[in-house]
Protein backbone atom coordinates (compact mmCIF):
# COMPACT_ATOMS: atom_id res chain seq x y z
CA MET A 1 4.05 10.69 8.20
CA ALA A 2 3.99 14.46 8.51
CA GLY A 3 3.17 16.68 5.59
CA ILE A 4 2.05 14.05 3.10
CA THR A 5 -0.60 15.22 0.66
CA LEU A 6 -3.61 13.36 -0.64
CA ALA A 7 -2.08 13.35 -4.14
CA GLN A 8 1.12 11.76 -2.81
CA ALA A 9 -0.83 9.11 -0.89
CA GLU A 10 -2.92 8.31 -3.97
CA ALA A 11 0.25 7.97 -6.07
CA LYS A 12 1.76 5.57 -3.52
CA LEU A 13 -1.45 3.53 -3.40
CA THR A 14 -1.46 3.27 -7.20
CA LEU A 15 2.18 2.17 -7.17
CA TRP A 16 1.60 -0.55 -4.57
CA LEU A 17 -1.56 -1.78 -6.30
CA SER A 18 0.45 -2.12 -9.50
CA ALA A 19 3.15 -4.07 -7.64
CA GLU A 20 0.52 -6.37 -6.15
CA GLU A 21 -0.89 -7.05 -9.60
CA ARG A 22 2.54 -7.93 -11.01
CA LEU A 23 3.27 -10.25 -8.09
CA ALA A 24 -0.07 -12.00 -8.44
CA THR A 25 0.93 -13.25 -11.88
CA SER A 26 4.57 -14.14 -11.19
CA GLN A 27 6.47 -14.08 -7.89
CA SER A 28 9.71 -15.56 -9.26
CA TYR A 29 11.26 -16.74 -12.48
CA THR A 30 14.41 -18.50 -13.69
CA VAL A 31 16.60 -17.67 -16.67
CA GLY A 32 19.29 -19.82 -18.23
CA GLU A 33 20.47 -23.36 -17.72
CA GLY A 34 23.24 -25.14 -15.86
CA ASP A 35 25.90 -22.95 -14.25
CA SER A 36 24.51 -19.78 -15.87
CA ARG A 37 21.07 -20.35 -14.37
CA ARG A 38 19.73 -17.34 -12.43
CA THR A 39 16.56 -17.00 -10.39
CA LEU A 40 14.87 -13.72 -9.56
CA THR A 41 12.40 -13.59 -6.69
CA ARG A 42 10.24 -10.53 -6.40
CA ALA A 43 9.05 -8.90 -3.17
CA ASP A 44 6.92 -10.76 -0.65
CA LEU A 45 3.25 -10.55 -1.65
CA ALA A 46 2.07 -10.33 1.98
CA GLU A 47 4.33 -7.33 2.56
CA VAL A 48 3.00 -5.62 -0.56
CA ARG A 49 -0.58 -6.23 0.59
CA ARG A 50 0.23 -4.60 3.95
CA ALA A 51 1.56 -1.57 2.08
CA VAL A 52 -1.62 -1.44 -0.02
CA GLU A 53 -3.74 -1.51 3.14
CA TYR A 54 -1.61 1.23 4.74
CA TRP A 55 -1.82 3.58 1.76
CA ASP A 56 -5.51 2.85 1.25
CA GLN A 57 -6.15 3.87 4.87
CA LYS A 58 -3.97 6.98 4.46
CA VAL A 59 -5.92 8.03 1.34
CA LYS A 60 -9.21 7.55 3.20
CA GLU A 61 -7.95 9.61 6.17
CA LEU A 62 -6.70 12.46 3.99
CA THR A 63 -9.90 12.45 1.95
CA ARG A 64 -11.97 12.62 5.13
CA ASP A 65 -9.80 15.44 6.47
CA ALA A 66 -10.09 17.36 3.20
CA ARG A 67 -13.87 17.18 3.47
CA GLY A 68 -13.76 18.49 7.02
CA ARG A 69 -14.69 15.17 8.56
CA GLY A 70 -11.91 14.53 11.03
CA ARG A 71 -11.92 11.99 13.78
CA THR A 72 -15.08 11.25 15.66
CA ARG A 73 -14.99 12.47 19.23
CA TYR A 74 -17.12 11.02 22.00
CA ALA A 75 -18.07 12.66 25.26
CA VAL A 76 -18.99 10.83 28.42
CA LEU A 77 -21.92 12.58 30.05
CA PRO A 78 -22.63 12.32 33.77
CA ARG A 79 -25.76 10.45 34.80
């Protein structure tokens, strides 16, 4: 995802964590009776958890990059 900022990634992580919390307490509910009965099912909890993991990793990457600690590079030295 090109051009995303740390602040944007943190906002997305907060949003997905909030969604996970709401789903943990109630994944679906039913309103009404008989023919007027309606059921609402919220998003899949596993999918939300994957999004939380993704945004958590993105925040960690951007935080590391902001501190000047990019990826670790290894060199293979001849024997």
